[in-house]
Amino acid sequence: MTALRPLRARTLDDAGRLAGVDLARGLAVFGMFAAHLLVTPHFDAAQPATWVDLVNGRSSILFATLAGVSIALMSGARASAGSSPASGRTLVVARRRLVVRAVIIWGIGMLLNATGVPVYVILPAYGILFLLAVPLLRLSASTLWVLAAVVGVGAPWLLPLADRVLVAAGPVGGDLVLLLGWHYPFLLWAAFLIAGLAAARSDLRSPRTLVALAVGGAACAIAAAAASTVIDVDEDSFLGRVLADGAHSGGMLEAVGSGGFALAVVGLCLLICRTPARIVLLPVRAVGSMPLTAYVGQIAAWAVWASFALGDVGDLSGFRALQPFWPFVAATLVFCTVWALLLGRGPLERAVAYATRVVIPG
């Protein structure tokens, strides 16, 4: 019986872990796989065959929202599941480690960009978002919710101006786009991270919180979709860009709709994992327990596969023609499940955690 305890603890069901957060992360990872590797038709609610288009934009926003949840968990008081922040020396260490983690994540993102794989790597933006979260760790849930709403509604007015500045800067602007991960502009994406932080500070162990996230998030998504059907403005005008709802448009309706979608997914995943369904979903949860490993592994495998099969890492249509999505999903599920059951924490997650502890002892 003693020999079985470590394995049991590694089934991702130990008391200190939120299974639904892992499930949501796993779905976000596979959503990004789909956005990278599948050619999706334009979404039409009346055509179920087009629903896969929901992954475009929304999966990366879910990823950013879950970053906020993860930061809350890392910086929370002991046994609080992120619902209350740490204090004193513990909080100081958490903030410093978050800075180190941000630098490491940003650096990994730059390395992935260097592979030449034709995707917009999210990790540089992720690193910047981690830095932006450092001064927010002590804020209450209510303050964070208000801040997320203000940023989500206000940032779309600034993004068109920021884009013009980057374009006017010429080659320097192009370098900044790469360094900042500007396909995921931190001015707006901070709203999603803050919303995730607020959700965790609202206590993700409470059924009331989970229902509120699911219902409130769905209401935001529906309201944004409804608004997009009645608002009639020139898409290329300043106001059109501010109010845009398209994937990666940086518009207000995208922020409200896709941000609400992300919160609804988090709430639903946590509710689902309060049922026996969490056992069946263990492989997806295993992927979500090591999202950095899964994400980096996909890009690295893509670079190797495309190099050998096509002789050109940057040939996106050629690589998609190889139909790599399901092989990637299957390989990721198997690897992450076996690793989680036998070894626990993912390899890159373990390496990043070790590096942060070495740089910032505590």
Protein backbone atom coordinates (compact mmCIF):
# COMPACT_ATOMS: atom_id res chain seq x y z
CA MET A 1 0.00 0.00 0.00
CA THR A 2 2.83 2.41 0.83
CA ALA A 3 4.32 1.95 -2.64
CA LEU A 4 1.07 3.00 -4.22
CA ARG A 5 0.79 6.32 -2.38
CA PRO A 6 3.22 8.31 -4.57
CA LEU A 7 1.39 7.14 -7.71
CA ARG A 8 -1.96 8.01 -6.16
CA ALA A 9 -0.69 11.50 -5.33
CA ARG A 10 0.39 11.92 -8.93
CA THR A 11 -3.05 11.22 -10.37
CA LEU A 12 -3.63 14.99 -10.09
CA ASP A 13 -6.32 14.47 -7.46
CA ASP A 14 -4.40 15.48 -4.36
CA ALA A 15 -6.15 17.94 -2.04
CA GLY A 16 -3.88 20.85 -2.88
CA ARG A 17 -4.70 20.86 -6.59
CA LEU A 18 -7.67 22.32 -8.49
CA ALA A 19 -8.46 19.65 -11.07
CA GLY A 20 -10.70 21.98 -13.07
CA VAL A 21 -7.89 24.46 -13.60
CA ASP A 22 -5.76 21.68 -15.09
CA LEU A 23 -8.68 20.67 -17.31
CA ALA A 24 -9.14 24.23 -18.55
CA ARG A 25 -5.41 24.55 -19.23
CA GLY A 26 -5.47 21.29 -21.18
CA LEU A 27 -8.35 22.53 -23.31
CA ALA A 28 -6.50 25.82 -23.89
CA VAL A 29 -3.41 23.92 -25.05
CA PHE A 30 -5.37 21.82 -27.52
CA GLY A 31 -7.29 24.88 -28.65
CA MET A 32 -4.00 26.55 -29.53
CA PHE A 33 -2.90 23.37 -31.33
CA ALA A 34 -6.10 23.59 -33.40
CA ALA A 35 -5.63 27.30 -34.10
CA HIS A 36 -2.10 26.60 -35.32
CA LEU A 37 -2.68 23.42 -37.28
CA LEU A 38 -6.24 23.37 -38.63
CA VAL A 39 -7.84 25.36 -41.43
CA THR A 40 -11.14 26.41 -39.88
CA PRO A 41 -14.26 27.74 -41.65
CA HIS A 42 -15.75 31.01 -40.41
CA PHE A 43 -17.94 30.45 -37.36
CA ASP A 44 -21.68 30.17 -37.96
CA ALA A 45 -23.79 29.25 -34.93
CA ALA A 46 -26.28 27.49 -37.21
CA GLN A 47 -23.57 25.25 -38.71
CA PRO A 48 -22.00 22.88 -36.12
CA ALA A 49 -19.22 22.02 -38.60
CA THR A 50 -17.90 25.57 -38.19
CA TRP A 51 -17.81 25.58 -34.38
CA VAL A 52 -14.14 24.60 -34.35
CA ASP A 53 -13.47 28.20 -35.38
CA LEU A 54 -14.14 29.11 -31.74
CA VAL A 55 -10.54 28.15 -30.99
CA ASN A 56 -9.20 31.12 -32.94
CA GLY A 57 -8.45 33.91 -30.50
CA ARG A 58 -10.43 32.35 -27.67
CA SER A 59 -7.96 29.59 -26.83
CA SER A 60 -5.10 32.05 -26.37
CA ILE A 61 -7.33 34.36 -24.31
CA LEU A 62 -8.25 31.37 -22.16
CA PHE A 63 -4.52 30.70 -21.81
CA ALA A 64 -3.96 34.29 -20.62
CA THR A 65 -6.88 34.12 -18.19
CA LEU A 66 -5.49 30.92 -16.73
CA ALA A 67 -2.14 32.66 -16.33
CA GLY A 68 -3.88 34.96 -13.87
CA VAL A 69 -5.35 31.97 -12.05
CA SER A 70 -1.91 30.34 -11.88
CA ILE A 71 -0.33 33.50 -10.50
CA ALA A 72 -3.01 33.68 -7.81
CA LEU A 73 -2.31 30.07 -6.85
CA MET A 74 1.45 30.66 -6.73
CA SER A 75 1.11 33.83 -4.65
CA GLY A 76 -1.72 32.72 -2.38
CA ALA A 77 -1.57 32.11 1.34
CA ARG A 78 -1.00 28.51 2.38
CA ALA A 79 -4.08 26.30 1.96
CA SER A 80 -6.11 29.19 0.48
CA ALA A 81 -6.16 27.86 -3.12
CA GLY A 82 -5.30 31.38 -4.22
CA SER A 83 -8.33 33.00 -2.59
CA SER A 84 -6.21 35.20 -0.34
CA PRO A 85 -2.73 36.58 -1.04
CA ALA A 86 0.33 35.65 0.94
CA SER A 87 1.80 38.28 3.23
CA GLY A 88 5.10 39.40 4.68
CA ARG A 89 8.25 37.63 3.59
CA THR A 90 6.27 35.00 1.68
CA LEU A 91 4.71 37.65 -0.56
CA VAL A 92 8.07 39.33 -1.17
CA VAL A 93 9.54 36.00 -2.28
CA ALA A 94 6.49 35.29 -4.48
CA ARG A 95 6.86 38.65 -6.23
CA ARG A 96 10.57 38.20 -6.86
CA ARG A 97 10.07 34.69 -8.15
CA LEU A 98 7.34 35.93 -10.45
CA VAL A 99 9.81 38.39 -11.97
CA VAL A 100 12.34 35.60 -12.53
CA ARG A 101 9.66 33.37 -13.99
CA ALA A 102 8.61 36.19 -16.34
CA VAL A 103 12.15 36.58 -17.66
CA ILE A 104 12.54 32.83 -18.19
CA ILE A 105 9.20 32.50 -19.99
CA TRP A 106 10.03 35.49 -22.19
CA GLY A 107 13.41 33.94 -23.04
CA ILE A 108 11.85 30.61 -23.97
CA GLY A 109 9.46 32.50 -26.22
CA MET A 110 12.35 34.18 -28.00
CA LEU A 111 13.99 30.79 -28.56
CA LEU A 112 10.76 29.45 -30.06
CA ASN A 113 10.56 32.46 -32.38
CA ALA A 114 14.06 31.60 -33.56
CA THR A 115 12.89 28.18 -34.80
CA GLY A 116 11.08 29.88 -37.69
CA VAL A 117 7.84 28.01 -37.04
CA PRO A 118 5.11 30.24 -38.56
CA VAL A 119 3.02 30.92 -35.47
CA TYR A 120 2.69 33.91 -33.19
CA VAL A 121 4.40 32.58 -30.07
CA ILE A 122 2.48 33.67 -26.99
CA LEU A 123 5.27 33.27 -24.44
CA PRO A 124 6.95 36.69 -24.88
CA ALA A 125 3.61 38.36 -24.15
CA TYR A 126 3.12 35.91 -21.30
CA GLY A 127 6.39 37.02 -19.74
CA ILE A 128 5.39 40.68 -19.93
CA LEU A 129 2.00 39.91 -18.41
CA PHE A 130 3.71 38.16 -15.50
CA LEU A 131 5.70 41.33 -14.86
CA LEU A 132 2.54 43.43 -14.95
CA ALA A 133 0.97 41.15 -12.34
CA VAL A 134 3.70 41.75 -9.75
CA PRO A 135 2.14 44.91 -8.19
CA LEU A 136 -1.36 43.40 -8.27
CA LEU A 137 -0.88 40.47 -5.93
CA ARG A 138 -2.24 42.17 -2.80
CA LEU A 139 -5.39 43.57 -4.42
CA SER A 140 -8.79 42.25 -3.37
CA ALA A 141 -11.05 40.29 -5.70
CA SER A 142 -13.50 43.18 -6.07
CA THR A 143 -10.72 45.63 -6.94
CA LEU A 144 -9.29 43.20 -9.47
CA TRP A 145 -12.69 42.69 -11.14
CA VAL A 146 -13.12 46.44 -11.53
CA LEU A 147 -9.58 46.82 -12.87
CA ALA A 148 -10.10 44.01 -15.38
CA ALA A 149 -13.27 45.68 -16.66
CA VAL A 150 -11.61 49.09 -16.94
CA VAL A 151 -8.63 47.68 -18.86
CA GLY A 152 -10.85 45.52 -21.07
CA VAL A 153 -13.03 48.47 -22.07
CA GLY A 154 -10.30 51.11 -22.14
CA ALA A 155 -7.41 49.35 -23.89
CA PRO A 156 -9.22 48.95 -27.25
CA TRP A 157 -9.22 52.76 -27.55
CA LEU A 158 -5.43 52.81 -27.18
CA LEU A 159 -4.45 49.87 -29.38
CA PRO A 160 -5.05 51.56 -32.78
CA LEU A 161 -2.81 54.42 -31.66
CA ALA A 162 -0.13 52.04 -30.39
CA ASP A 163 -0.26 50.11 -33.67
CA ARG A 164 0.31 53.32 -35.63
CA VAL A 165 3.32 54.18 -33.49
CA LEU A 166 4.84 50.74 -34.10
CA VAL A 167 4.25 50.97 -37.85
CA ALA A 168 5.72 54.49 -37.98
CA ALA A 169 8.81 53.25 -36.14
CA GLY A 170 9.78 51.13 -39.16
CA PRO A 171 12.26 48.29 -38.54
CA VAL A 172 12.51 49.22 -34.86
CA GLY A 173 8.76 48.84 -34.60
CA GLY A 174 9.00 45.41 -36.20
CA ASP A 175 11.58 44.36 -33.62
CA LEU A 176 9.36 45.64 -30.83
CA VAL A 177 6.41 43.66 -32.17
CA LEU A 178 8.52 40.51 -31.86
CA LEU A 179 9.99 41.36 -28.47
CA LEU A 180 6.65 42.35 -26.98
CA GLY A 181 4.66 39.50 -28.52
CA TRP A 182 2.40 42.23 -29.86
CA HIS A 183 0.04 39.80 -31.60
CA TYR A 184 -1.17 39.46 -28.00
CA PRO A 185 -0.90 43.15 -27.00
CA PHE A 186 -0.28 43.42 -23.28
CA LEU A 187 -2.29 46.66 -23.06
CA LEU A 188 -5.46 44.62 -23.58
CA TRP A 189 -4.35 41.16 -22.56
CA ALA A 190 -3.62 42.42 -19.08
CA ALA A 191 -7.41 42.49 -18.67
CA PHE A 192 -7.63 38.71 -19.17
CA LEU A 193 -4.79 38.02 -16.76
CA ILE A 194 -6.34 40.33 -14.16
CA ALA A 195 -9.72 38.62 -14.63
CA GLY A 196 -8.09 35.25 -13.98
CA LEU A 197 -6.40 36.64 -10.88
CA ALA A 198 -9.75 38.05 -9.73
CA ALA A 199 -11.50 34.73 -10.33
CA ALA A 200 -9.00 32.87 -8.18
CA ARG A 201 -9.15 35.51 -5.43
CA SER A 202 -12.94 34.99 -5.45
CA ASP A 203 -12.32 31.41 -4.22
CA LEU A 204 -12.44 28.73 -6.89
CA ARG A 205 -13.40 26.15 -4.26
CA SER A 206 -16.81 27.79 -3.82
CA PRO A 207 -19.66 26.41 -5.98
CA ARG A 208 -21.27 29.85 -5.91
CA THR A 209 -18.15 31.38 -7.47
CA LEU A 210 -18.01 28.69 -10.14
CA VAL A 211 -21.65 29.15 -11.12
CA ALA A 212 -21.14 32.92 -11.22
CA LEU A 213 -18.14 32.49 -13.52
CA ALA A 214 -20.00 30.12 -15.84
CA VAL A 215 -23.21 32.16 -16.01
CA GLY A 216 -21.59 35.60 -15.97
CA GLY A 217 -18.98 34.62 -18.53
CA ALA A 218 -21.57 33.11 -20.85
CA ALA A 219 -23.71 36.24 -20.49
CA CYS A 220 -20.77 38.42 -21.53
CA ALA A 221 -20.07 36.22 -24.54
CA ILE A 222 -23.71 36.25 -25.64
CA ALA A 223 -24.05 40.00 -25.10
CA ALA A 224 -20.94 40.70 -27.17
CA ALA A 225 -22.14 38.43 -29.97
CA ALA A 226 -25.54 40.13 -29.97
CA ALA A 227 -23.97 43.59 -29.99
CA SER A 228 -21.79 42.69 -32.96
CA THR A 229 -24.89 41.92 -35.03
CA VAL A 230 -26.50 45.31 -34.43
CA ILE A 231 -23.49 47.64 -34.43
CA ASP A 232 -22.91 48.91 -37.96
CA VAL A 233 -19.63 50.79 -38.35
CA ASP A 234 -16.86 50.76 -40.94
CA GLU A 235 -14.45 48.03 -39.85
CA ASP A 236 -11.48 50.08 -41.05
CA SER A 237 -12.46 53.22 -39.16
CA PHE A 238 -11.05 54.07 -35.74
CA LEU A 239 -14.37 53.27 -34.05
CA GLY A 240 -14.65 50.07 -36.06
CA ARG A 241 -11.32 48.89 -34.72
CA VAL A 242 -12.23 49.89 -31.18
CA LEU A 243 -15.48 47.91 -31.29
CA ALA A 244 -14.20 44.94 -33.34
CA ASP A 245 -15.15 41.41 -32.34
CA GLY A 246 -12.89 39.37 -34.64
CA ALA A 247 -10.21 37.01 -33.36
CA HIS A 248 -7.05 38.93 -32.44
CA SER A 249 -8.70 42.21 -33.45
CA GLY A 250 -8.05 43.76 -30.06
CA GLY A 251 -11.56 45.23 -30.12
CA MET A 252 -13.87 45.82 -27.20
CA LEU A 253 -16.40 43.23 -28.29
CA GLU A 254 -13.66 40.63 -28.62
CA ALA A 255 -12.43 41.51 -25.14
CA VAL A 256 -15.88 41.19 -23.59
CA GLY A 257 -16.99 38.19 -25.63
CA SER A 258 -13.84 36.09 -25.59
CA GLY A 259 -12.97 37.16 -22.05
CA GLY A 260 -16.41 36.06 -20.93
CA PHE A 261 -16.00 32.81 -22.86
CA ALA A 262 -12.73 32.14 -21.00
CA LEU A 263 -14.30 32.75 -17.59
CA ALA A 264 -17.23 30.50 -18.48
CA VAL A 265 -14.85 27.70 -19.49
CA VAL A 266 -12.93 28.04 -16.21
CA GLY A 267 -16.14 27.90 -14.19
CA LEU A 268 -17.54 24.94 -16.14
CA CYS A 269 -14.30 22.97 -15.96
CA LEU A 270 -14.13 23.41 -12.19
CA LEU A 271 -17.76 22.35 -11.84
CA ILE A 272 -17.22 19.29 -14.06
CA CYS A 273 -14.23 18.25 -11.99
CA ARG A 274 -16.37 18.19 -8.86
CA THR A 275 -17.99 15.09 -10.42
CA PRO A 276 -16.58 11.63 -11.27
CA ALA A 277 -16.02 12.90 -14.82
CA ARG A 278 -12.65 14.19 -13.61
CA ILE A 279 -11.38 10.60 -13.66
CA VAL A 280 -12.20 10.10 -17.34
CA LEU A 281 -10.68 13.50 -18.13
CA LEU A 282 -7.39 12.73 -16.39
CA PRO A 283 -5.32 12.69 -19.63
CA VAL A 284 -6.49 16.20 -20.57
CA ARG A 285 -5.85 17.33 -17.00
CA ALA A 286 -2.35 15.86 -17.23
CA VAL A 287 -1.69 18.05 -20.27
CA GLY A 288 -3.02 21.02 -18.32
CA SER A 289 -0.71 20.26 -15.43
CA MET A 290 2.28 20.92 -17.72
CA PRO A 291 1.11 23.49 -20.31
CA LEU A 292 4.57 24.96 -20.87
CA THR A 293 5.98 21.54 -21.69
CA ALA A 294 3.07 20.79 -24.04
CA TYR A 295 3.25 24.15 -25.81
CA VAL A 296 7.03 24.16 -26.26
CA GLY A 297 6.98 20.50 -27.26
CA GLN A 298 4.49 21.23 -30.04
CA ILE A 299 6.60 24.04 -31.51
CA ALA A 300 9.82 22.01 -31.24
CA ALA A 301 8.24 18.92 -32.81
CA TRP A 302 6.77 21.08 -35.57
CA ALA A 303 10.19 22.52 -36.38
CA VAL A 304 11.79 19.07 -36.59
CA TRP A 305 8.95 17.44 -38.54
CA ALA A 306 8.63 20.28 -41.07
CA SER A 307 12.38 20.44 -41.54
CA PHE A 308 12.62 16.76 -42.45
CA ALA A 309 9.31 16.39 -44.32
CA LEU A 310 9.23 19.70 -46.19
CA GLY A 311 12.71 21.13 -45.99
CA ASP A 312 11.09 24.42 -44.96
CA VAL A 313 9.99 25.09 -41.39
CA GLY A 314 8.08 28.18 -42.50
CA ASP A 315 5.75 26.40 -44.96
CA LEU A 316 2.49 26.64 -43.00
CA SER A 317 0.12 25.34 -45.69
CA GLY A 318 2.49 22.49 -46.51
CA PHE A 319 2.73 21.45 -42.87
CA ARG A 320 -1.02 21.65 -42.36
CA ALA A 321 -1.42 19.40 -45.41
CA LEU A 322 0.45 16.70 -43.46
CA GLN A 323 -2.53 16.68 -41.05
CA PRO A 324 -0.41 16.90 -37.90
CA PHE A 325 -3.17 17.93 -35.48
CA TRP A 326 -4.33 14.53 -34.28
CA PRO A 327 -0.83 13.01 -34.09
CA PHE A 328 0.21 15.99 -31.96
CA VAL A 329 -2.84 15.65 -29.72
CA ALA A 330 -2.33 11.90 -29.26
CA ALA A 331 1.40 12.19 -28.57
CA THR A 332 0.85 15.03 -26.11
CA LEU A 333 -1.88 13.14 -24.24
CA VAL A 334 0.24 10.00 -23.93
CA PHE A 335 3.45 11.78 -22.94
CA CYS A 336 1.84 14.08 -20.37
CA THR A 337 -0.30 11.35 -18.81
CA VAL A 338 2.59 8.93 -18.39
CA TRP A 339 4.90 11.66 -17.09
CA ALA A 340 2.30 12.99 -14.63
CA LEU A 341 1.53 9.53 -13.24
CA LEU A 342 5.15 8.44 -12.91
CA LEU A 343 7.08 11.64 -12.27
CA GLY A 344 4.56 14.31 -11.33
CA ARG A 345 5.40 17.85 -12.39
CA GLY A 346 6.19 18.46 -16.08
CA PRO A 347 9.85 18.69 -17.14
CA LEU A 348 9.85 22.36 -18.14
CA GLU A 349 7.61 23.32 -15.21
CA ARG A 350 10.07 21.58 -12.90
CA ALA A 351 13.05 23.29 -14.53
CA VAL A 352 11.48 26.76 -14.31
CA ALA A 353 10.49 26.21 -10.67
CA TYR A 354 14.01 25.03 -9.83
CA ALA A 355 15.58 28.04 -11.54
CA THR A 356 13.34 30.48 -9.68
CA ARG A 357 14.18 28.84 -6.35
CA VAL A 358 17.89 29.00 -7.09
CA VAL A 359 17.77 32.68 -8.06
CA ILE A 360 15.33 33.63 -5.27
CA PRO A 361 15.76 31.30 -2.28
CA GLY A 362 12.97 31.32 0.20
